């Protein structure tokens, strides 16, 4: 699943808000570090459009690999190392 996958259905807004709130309430997120979540959970609970809009609103960035999404809970640039 890529970060630009189309939304397949509309998730419940209250569940989405609660999930996002819980994600960013973690100690790591509050400290400006990174949090990891399942791309399946994003699609099923929040929806990609809502998730990406929330990332943008917060000034955060994220990467996806092997079904996991790592969110960098700060506005610092992300550097990638290794082969492209």
PDB file of N, CA and C in Angstrom:
ATOM      1  N   UNK A   1       0.849  -1.168   0.000  1.00  0.00           N
ATOM      2  CA  UNK A   1       0.000   0.000   0.000  1.00  0.00           C
ATOM      3  C   UNK A   1       0.891   1.227   0.000  1.00  0.00           C
ATOM      4  N   UNK A   2       0.692   2.106  -0.914  1.00  0.00           N
ATOM      5  CA  UNK A   2       1.498   3.317  -0.963  1.00  0.00           C
ATOM      6  C   UNK A   2       0.771   4.457  -0.282  1.00  0.00           C
ATOM      7  N   UNK A   3       1.518   5.494   0.042  1.00  0.00           N
ATOM      8  CA  UNK A   3       0.934   6.648   0.717  1.00  0.00           C
ATOM      9  C   UNK A   3      -0.061   7.387  -0.162  1.00  0.00           C
ATOM     10  N   UNK A   4      -0.068   7.106  -1.446  1.00  0.00           N
ATOM     11  CA  UNK A   4      -0.987   7.793  -2.344  1.00  0.00           C
ATOM     12  C   UNK A   4      -2.136   6.907  -2.797  1.00  0.00           C
ATOM     13  N   UNK A   5      -2.352   5.787  -2.121  1.00  0.00           N
ATOM     14  CA  UNK A   5      -3.434   4.880  -2.496  1.00  0.00           C
ATOM     15  C   UNK A   5      -4.783   5.578  -2.362  1.00  0.00           C
ATOM     16  N   UNK A   6      -5.709   5.291  -3.259  1.00  0.00           N
ATOM     17  CA  UNK A   6      -7.027   5.918  -3.155  1.00  0.00           C
ATOM     18  C   UNK A   6      -7.793   5.395  -1.949  1.00  0.00           C
ATOM     19  N   UNK A   7      -8.600   6.253  -1.380  1.00  0.00           N
ATOM     20  CA  UNK A   7      -9.433   5.876  -0.244  1.00  0.00           C
ATOM     21  C   UNK A   7     -10.534   4.956  -0.745  1.00  0.00           C
ATOM     22  N   UNK A   8     -10.714   3.804  -0.107  1.00  0.00           N
ATOM     23  CA  UNK A   8     -11.692   2.821  -0.565  1.00  0.00           C
ATOM     24  C   UNK A   8     -13.055   3.023   0.074  1.00  0.00           C
ATOM     25  N   UNK A   9     -13.102   3.566   1.253  1.00  0.00           N
ATOM     26  CA  UNK A   9     -14.366   3.802   1.946  1.00  0.00           C
ATOM     27  C   UNK A   9     -14.142   4.914   2.954  1.00  0.00           C
ATOM     28  N   UNK A  10     -15.191   5.408   3.528  1.00  0.00           N
ATOM     29  CA  UNK A  10     -15.077   6.500   4.489  1.00  0.00           C
ATOM     30  C   UNK A  10     -15.067   5.946   5.904  1.00  0.00           C
ATOM     31  N   UNK A  11     -13.949   6.063   6.607  1.00  0.00           N
ATOM     32  CA  UNK A  11     -13.888   5.589   7.986  1.00  0.00           C
ATOM     33  C   UNK A  11     -14.746   6.455   8.913  1.00  0.00           C
ATOM     34  N   UNK A  12     -15.056   5.934  10.079  1.00  0.00           N
ATOM     35  CA  UNK A  12     -15.816   6.654  11.096  1.00  0.00           C
ATOM     36  C   UNK A  12     -14.977   7.821  11.613  1.00  0.00           C
ATOM     37  N   UNK A  13     -15.515   9.029  11.575  1.00  0.00           N
ATOM     38  CA  UNK A  13     -14.766  10.231  11.959  1.00  0.00           C
ATOM     39  C   UNK A  13     -14.324  10.196  13.416  1.00  0.00           C
ATOM     40  N   UNK A  14     -15.196   9.756  14.319  1.00  0.00           N
ATOM     41  CA  UNK A  14     -14.815   9.703  15.736  1.00  0.00           C
ATOM     42  C   UNK A  14     -13.687   8.710  15.975  1.00  0.00           C
ATOM     43  N   UNK A  15     -13.751   7.564  15.329  1.00  0.00           N
ATOM     44  CA  UNK A  15     -12.690   6.564  15.477  1.00  0.00           C
ATOM     45  C   UNK A  15     -11.377   7.108  14.909  1.00  0.00           C
ATOM     46  N   UNK A  16     -11.460   7.796  13.779  1.00  0.00           N
ATOM     47  CA  UNK A  16     -10.264   8.373  13.156  1.00  0.00           C
ATOM     48  C   UNK A  16      -9.645   9.429  14.065  1.00  0.00           C
ATOM     49  N   UNK A  17     -10.454  10.320  14.599  1.00  0.00           N
ATOM     50  CA  UNK A  17      -9.947  11.364  15.495  1.00  0.00           C
ATOM     51  C   UNK A  17      -9.302  10.767  16.733  1.00  0.00           C
ATOM     52  N   UNK A  18      -9.915   9.739  17.294  1.00  0.00           N
ATOM     53  CA  UNK A  18      -9.387   9.080  18.489  1.00  0.00           C
ATOM     54  C   UNK A  18      -8.059   8.387  18.174  1.00  0.00           C
ATOM     55  N   UNK A  19      -7.993   7.717  17.022  1.00  0.00           N
ATOM     56  CA  UNK A  19      -6.767   7.011  16.632  1.00  0.00           C
ATOM     57  C   UNK A  19      -5.621   8.001  16.444  1.00  0.00           C
ATOM     58  N   UNK A  20      -5.881   9.097  15.748  1.00  0.00           N
ATOM     59  CA  UNK A  20      -4.839  10.110  15.538  1.00  0.00           C
ATOM     60  C   UNK A  20      -4.416  10.724  16.871  1.00  0.00           C
ATOM     61  N   UNK A  21      -5.363  10.999  17.727  1.00  0.00           N
ATOM     62  CA  UNK A  21      -5.059  11.571  19.037  1.00  0.00           C
ATOM     63  C   UNK A  21      -4.169  10.623  19.840  1.00  0.00           C
ATOM     64  N   UNK A  22      -4.498   9.337  19.835  1.00  0.00           N
ATOM     65  CA  UNK A  22      -3.689   8.342  20.545  1.00  0.00           C
ATOM     66  C   UNK A  22      -2.285   8.238  19.952  1.00  0.00           C
ATOM     67  N   UNK A  23      -2.186   8.277  18.627  1.00  0.00           N
ATOM     68  CA  UNK A  23      -0.888   8.169  17.957  1.00  0.00           C
ATOM     69  C   UNK A  23       0.042   9.293  18.402  1.00  0.00           C
ATOM     70  N   UNK A  24      -0.477  10.514  18.422  1.00  0.00           N
ATOM     71  CA  UNK A  24       0.356  11.670  18.750  1.00  0.00           C
ATOM     72  C   UNK A  24       0.443  11.953  20.242  1.00  0.00           C
ATOM     73  N   UNK A  25      -0.246  11.184  21.070  1.00  0.00           N
ATOM     74  CA  UNK A  25      -0.161  11.346  22.519  1.00  0.00           C
ATOM     75  C   UNK A  25       0.995  10.556  23.116  1.00  0.00           C
ATOM     76  N   UNK A  26       1.637   9.727  22.318  1.00  0.00           N
ATOM     77  CA  UNK A  26       2.736   8.911  22.840  1.00  0.00           C
ATOM     78  C   UNK A  26       3.896   9.801  23.278  1.00  0.00           C
ATOM     79  N   UNK A  27       4.690   9.285  24.189  1.00  0.00           N
ATOM     80  CA  UNK A  27       5.843  10.026  24.698  1.00  0.00           C
ATOM     81  C   UNK A  27       6.805  10.388  23.563  1.00  0.00           C
ATOM     82  N   UNK A  28       7.036   9.444  22.652  1.00  0.00           N
ATOM     83  CA  UNK A  28       7.952   9.696  21.536  1.00  0.00           C
ATOM     84  C   UNK A  28       7.439  10.834  20.656  1.00  0.00           C
ATOM     85  N   UNK A  29       6.167  10.813  20.349  1.00  0.00           N
ATOM     86  CA  UNK A  29       5.593  11.866  19.499  1.00  0.00           C
ATOM     87  C   UNK A  29       5.691  13.221  20.183  1.00  0.00           C
ATOM     88  N   UNK A  30       5.373  13.268  21.457  1.00  0.00           N
ATOM     89  CA  UNK A  30       5.427  14.539  22.191  1.00  0.00           C
ATOM     90  C   UNK A  30       6.853  15.065  22.295  1.00  0.00           C
ATOM     91  N   UNK A  31       7.844  14.158  22.241  1.00  0.00           N
ATOM     92  CA  UNK A  31       9.253  14.553  22.322  1.00  0.00           C
ATOM     93  C   UNK A  31       9.836  14.889  20.950  1.00  0.00           C
ATOM     94  N   UNK A  32       9.006  14.841  19.897  1.00  0.00           N
ATOM     95  CA  UNK A  32       9.486  15.167  18.559  1.00  0.00           C
ATOM     96  C   UNK A  32      10.259  14.045  17.906  1.00  0.00           C
ATOM     97  N   UNK A  33      10.068  12.822  18.382  1.00  0.00           N
ATOM     98  CA  UNK A  33      10.759  11.671  17.807  1.00  0.00           C
ATOM     99  C   UNK A  33       9.867  11.032  16.748  1.00  0.00           C
ATOM    100  N   UNK A  34       9.975   9.730  16.539  1.00  0.00           N
ATOM    101  CA  UNK A  34       9.170   9.064  15.527  1.00  0.00           C
ATOM    102  C   UNK A  34       8.247   8.029  16.153  1.00  0.00           C
ATOM    103  N   UNK A  35       7.128   7.806  15.475  1.00  0.00           N
ATOM    104  CA  UNK A  35       6.189   6.757  15.857  1.00  0.00           C
ATOM    105  C   UNK A  35       5.932   5.904  14.622  1.00  0.00           C
ATOM    106  N   UNK A  36       5.638   4.639  14.843  1.00  0.00           N
ATOM    107  CA  UNK A  36       5.401   3.714  13.743  1.00  0.00           C
ATOM    108  C   UNK A  36       4.011   3.123  13.882  1.00  0.00           C
ATOM    109  N   UNK A  37       3.342   2.996  12.758  1.00  0.00           N
ATOM    110  CA  UNK A  37       2.010   2.403  12.751  1.00  0.00           C
ATOM    111  C   UNK A  37       1.842   1.590  11.466  1.00  0.00           C
ATOM    112  N   UNK A  38       0.835   0.792  11.444  1.00  0.00           N
ATOM    113  CA  UNK A  38       0.549  -0.072  10.304  1.00  0.00           C
ATOM    114  C   UNK A  38      -0.153   0.708   9.200  1.00  0.00           C
ATOM    115  N   UNK A  39       0.278   0.506   7.964  1.00  0.00           N
ATOM    116  CA  UNK A  39      -0.402   1.151   6.836  1.00  0.00           C
ATOM    117  C   UNK A  39      -1.833   0.626   6.719  1.00  0.00           C
ATOM    118  N   UNK A  40      -2.055  -0.625   7.133  1.00  0.00           N
ATOM    119  CA  UNK A  40      -3.409  -1.175   7.131  1.00  0.00           C
ATOM    120  C   UNK A  40      -4.299  -0.410   8.105  1.00  0.00           C
ATOM    121  N   UNK A  41      -3.779  -0.122   9.295  1.00  0.00           N
ATOM    122  CA  UNK A  41      -4.553   0.645  10.273  1.00  0.00           C
ATOM    123  C   UNK A  41      -4.892   2.035   9.749  1.00  0.00           C
ATOM    124  N   UNK A  42      -3.937   2.664   9.111  1.00  0.00           N
ATOM    125  CA  UNK A  42      -4.195   3.992   8.548  1.00  0.00           C
ATOM    126  C   UNK A  42      -5.347   3.914   7.559  1.00  0.00           C
ATOM    127  N   UNK A  43      -5.278   2.966   6.653  1.00  0.00           N
ATOM    128  CA  UNK A  43      -6.324   2.842   5.637  1.00  0.00           C
ATOM    129  C   UNK A  43      -7.668   2.459   6.260  1.00  0.00           C
ATOM    130  N   UNK A  44      -7.663   1.541   7.216  1.00  0.00           N
ATOM    131  CA  UNK A  44      -8.914   1.028   7.776  1.00  0.00           C
ATOM    132  C   UNK A  44      -9.562   1.971   8.782  1.00  0.00           C
ATOM    133  N   UNK A  45      -8.745   2.673   9.570  1.00  0.00           N
ATOM    134  CA  UNK A  45      -9.297   3.476  10.663  1.00  0.00           C
ATOM    135  C   UNK A  45      -9.419   4.947  10.303  1.00  0.00           C
ATOM    136  N   UNK A  46      -8.412   5.474   9.647  1.00  0.00           N
ATOM    137  CA  UNK A  46      -8.356   6.915   9.390  1.00  0.00           C
ATOM    138  C   UNK A  46      -8.639   7.250   7.933  1.00  0.00           C
ATOM    139  N   UNK A  47      -8.044   6.495   7.022  1.00  0.00           N
ATOM    140  CA  UNK A  47      -8.097   6.820   5.595  1.00  0.00           C
ATOM    141  C   UNK A  47      -6.868   7.639   5.228  1.00  0.00           C
ATOM    142  N   UNK A  48      -6.312   7.351   4.065  1.00  0.00           N
ATOM    143  CA  UNK A  48      -5.067   8.013   3.657  1.00  0.00           C
ATOM    144  C   UNK A  48      -5.221   9.516   3.489  1.00  0.00           C
ATOM    145  N   UNK A  49      -6.323   9.954   2.939  1.00  0.00           N
ATOM    146  CA  UNK A  49      -6.509  11.394   2.720  1.00  0.00           C
ATOM    147  C   UNK A  49      -6.500  12.150   4.039  1.00  0.00           C
ATOM    148  N   UNK A  50      -7.196  11.640   5.028  1.00  0.00           N
ATOM    149  CA  UNK A  50      -7.240  12.286   6.349  1.00  0.00           C
ATOM    150  C   UNK A  50      -5.864  12.238   7.002  1.00  0.00           C
ATOM    151  N   UNK A  51      -5.203  11.095   6.930  1.00  0.00           N
ATOM    152  CA  UNK A  51      -3.881  10.932   7.538  1.00  0.00           C
ATOM    153  C   UNK A  51      -2.879  11.904   6.921  1.00  0.00           C
ATOM    154  N   UNK A  52      -2.842  11.976   5.594  1.00  0.00           N
ATOM    155  CA  UNK A  52      -1.892  12.860   4.927  1.00  0.00           C
ATOM    156  C   UNK A  52      -2.198  14.325   5.197  1.00  0.00           C
ATOM    157  N   UNK A  53      -3.472  14.671   5.264  1.00  0.00           N
ATOM    158  CA  UNK A  53      -3.842  16.054   5.597  1.00  0.00           C
ATOM    159  C   UNK A  53      -3.395  16.397   7.012  1.00  0.00           C
ATOM    160  N   UNK A  54      -3.538  15.449   7.947  1.00  0.00           N
ATOM    161  CA  UNK A  54      -3.120  15.684   9.317  1.00  0.00           C
ATOM    162  C   UNK A  54      -1.600  15.829   9.404  1.00  0.00           C
ATOM    163  N   UNK A  55      -0.857  14.995   8.672  1.00  0.00           N
ATOM    164  CA  UNK A  55       0.604  15.129   8.634  1.00  0.00           C
ATOM    165  C   UNK A  55       0.995  16.523   8.161  1.00  0.00           C
ATOM    166  N   UNK A  56       0.372  16.958   7.090  1.00  0.00           N
ATOM    167  CA  UNK A  56       0.674  18.266   6.522  1.00  0.00           C
ATOM    168  C   UNK A  56       0.352  19.379   7.514  1.00  0.00           C
ATOM    169  N   UNK A  57      -0.792  19.280   8.156  1.00  0.00           N
ATOM    170  CA  UNK A  57      -1.207  20.299   9.118  1.00  0.00           C
ATOM    171  C   UNK A  57      -0.202  20.426  10.260  1.00  0.00           C
ATOM    172  N   UNK A  58       0.344  19.298  10.692  1.00  0.00           N
ATOM    173  CA  UNK A  58       1.303  19.288  11.800  1.00  0.00           C
ATOM    174  C   UNK A  58       2.730  19.614  11.357  1.00  0.00           C
ATOM    175  N   UNK A  59       2.987  19.597  10.050  1.00  0.00           N
ATOM    176  CA  UNK A  59       4.335  19.833   9.549  1.00  0.00           C
ATOM    177  C   UNK A  59       5.233  18.623   9.676  1.00  0.00           C
ATOM    178  N   UNK A  60       4.639  17.427   9.837  1.00  0.00           N
ATOM    179  CA  UNK A  60       5.390  16.189   9.989  1.00  0.00           C
ATOM    180  C   UNK A  60       5.600  15.531   8.621  1.00  0.00           C
ATOM    181  N   UNK A  61       6.515  14.574   8.574  1.00  0.00           N
ATOM    182  CA  UNK A  61       6.713  13.766   7.374  1.00  0.00           C
ATOM    183  C   UNK A  61       6.665  12.299   7.763  1.00  0.00           C
ATOM    184  N   UNK A  62       6.513  11.436   6.762  1.00  0.00           N
ATOM    185  CA  UNK A  62       6.410  10.003   7.032  1.00  0.00           C
ATOM    186  C   UNK A  62       7.003   9.221   5.871  1.00  0.00           C
ATOM    187  N   UNK A  63       7.411   8.000   6.167  1.00  0.00           N
ATOM    188  CA  UNK A  63       7.855   7.067   5.143  1.00  0.00           C
ATOM    189  C   UNK A  63       7.109   5.751   5.352  1.00  0.00           C
ATOM    190  N   UNK A  64       6.971   4.995   4.269  1.00  0.00           N
ATOM    191  CA  UNK A  64       6.285   3.696   4.341  1.00  0.00           C
ATOM    192  C   UNK A  64       7.199   2.628   3.772  1.00  0.00           C
ATOM    193  N   UNK A  65       7.273   1.486   4.474  1.00  0.00           N
ATOM    194  CA  UNK A  65       8.064   0.361   4.017  1.00  0.00           C
ATOM    195  C   UNK A  65       7.488  -0.903   4.625  1.00  0.00           C
ATOM    196  N   UNK A  66       7.259  -1.897   3.777  1.00  0.00           N
ATOM    197  CA  UNK A  66       6.818  -3.223   4.219  1.00  0.00           C
ATOM    198  C   UNK A  66       5.580  -3.176   5.111  1.00  0.00           C
ATOM    199  N   UNK A  67       4.647  -2.302   4.781  1.00  0.00           N
ATOM    200  CA  UNK A  67       3.395  -2.243   5.516  1.00  0.00           C
ATOM    201  C   UNK A  67       3.435  -1.431   6.798  1.00  0.00           C
ATOM    202  N   UNK A  68       4.569  -0.808   7.077  1.00  0.00           N
ATOM    203  CA  UNK A  68       4.693   0.040   8.263  1.00  0.00           C
ATOM    204  C   UNK A  68       4.962   1.477   7.839  1.00  0.00           C
ATOM    205  N   UNK A  69       4.367   2.406   8.553  1.00  0.00           N
ATOM    206  CA  UNK A  69       4.563   3.825   8.301  1.00  0.00           C
ATOM    207  C   UNK A  69       5.264   4.415   9.513  1.00  0.00           C
ATOM    208  N   UNK A  70       6.382   5.071   9.279  1.00  0.00           N
ATOM    209  CA  UNK A  70       7.096   5.774  10.331  1.00  0.00           C
ATOM    210  C   UNK A  70       6.828   7.257  10.165  1.00  0.00           C
ATOM    211  N   UNK A  71       6.305   7.860  11.220  1.00  0.00           N
ATOM    212  CA  UNK A  71       5.987   9.284  11.213  1.00  0.00           C
ATOM    213  C   UNK A  71       7.063  10.000  12.017  1.00  0.00           C
ATOM    214  N   UNK A  72       7.671  11.008  11.414  1.00  0.00           N
ATOM    215  CA  UNK A  72       8.661  11.829  12.090  1.00  0.00           C
ATOM    216  C   UNK A  72       7.923  13.023  12.674  1.00  0.00           C
ATOM    217  N   UNK A  73       7.808  13.054  13.975  1.00  0.00           N
ATOM    218  CA  UNK A  73       6.969  14.033  14.675  1.00  0.00           C
ATOM    219  C   UNK A  73       7.727  15.326  14.947  1.00  0.00           C
ATOM    220  N   UNK A  74       8.296  15.865  13.889  1.00  0.00           N
ATOM    221  CA  UNK A  74       8.973  17.153  13.938  1.00  0.00           C
ATOM    222  C   UNK A  74       9.017  17.688  12.508  1.00  0.00           C
ATOM    223  N   UNK A  75       9.490  18.898  12.351  1.00  0.00           N
ATOM    224  CA  UNK A  75       9.519  19.485  11.011  1.00  0.00           C
ATOM    225  C   UNK A  75      10.922  19.489  10.412  1.00  0.00           C
ATOM    226  N   UNK A  76      11.815  18.670  10.960  1.00  0.00           N
ATOM    227  CA  UNK A  76      13.171  18.584  10.449  1.00  0.00           C
ATOM    228  C   UNK A  76      13.211  17.772   9.149  1.00  0.00           C
ATOM    229  N   UNK A  77      14.196  18.057   8.278  1.00  0.00           N
ATOM    230  CA  UNK A  77      14.300  17.286   7.033  1.00  0.00           C
ATOM    231  C   UNK A  77      14.662  15.834   7.313  1.00  0.00           C
ATOM    232  N   UNK A  78      14.214  14.950   6.454  1.00  0.00           N
ATOM    233  CA  UNK A  78      14.496  13.510   6.563  1.00  0.00           C
ATOM    234  C   UNK A  78      15.545  13.167   5.509  1.00  0.00           C
ATOM    235  N   UNK A  79      16.605  12.504   5.923  1.00  0.00           N
ATOM    236  CA  UNK A  79      17.627  12.047   4.996  1.00  0.00           C
ATOM    237  C   UNK A  79      17.482  10.555   4.797  1.00  0.00           C
ATOM    238  N   UNK A  80      17.673  10.111   3.580  1.00  0.00           N
ATOM    239  CA  UNK A  80      17.593   8.690   3.267  1.00  0.00           C
ATOM    240  C   UNK A  80      19.001   8.198   2.981  1.00  0.00           C
ATOM    241  N   UNK A  81      19.360   7.038   3.556  1.00  0.00           N
ATOM    242  CA  UNK A  81      20.666   6.430   3.344  1.00  0.00           C
ATOM    243  C   UNK A  81      20.475   5.066   2.674  1.00  0.00           C
ATOM    244  N   UNK A  82      21.435   4.677   1.880  1.00  0.00           N
ATOM    245  CA  UNK A  82      21.364   3.376   1.230  1.00  0.00           C
ATOM    246  C   UNK A  82      20.950   3.511  -0.221  1.00  0.00           C
ATOM    247  N   UNK A  83      20.861   2.378  -0.918  1.00  0.00           N
ATOM    248  CA  UNK A  83      20.513   2.417  -2.337  1.00  0.00           C
ATOM    249  C   UNK A  83      19.087   2.929  -2.545  1.00  0.00           C
ATOM    250  N   UNK A  84      18.906   3.571  -3.660  1.00  0.00           N
ATOM    251  CA  UNK A  84      17.589   4.168  -3.974  1.00  0.00           C
ATOM    252  C   UNK A  84      16.581   3.146  -4.393  1.00  0.00           C
TER     253      UNK A  84
END
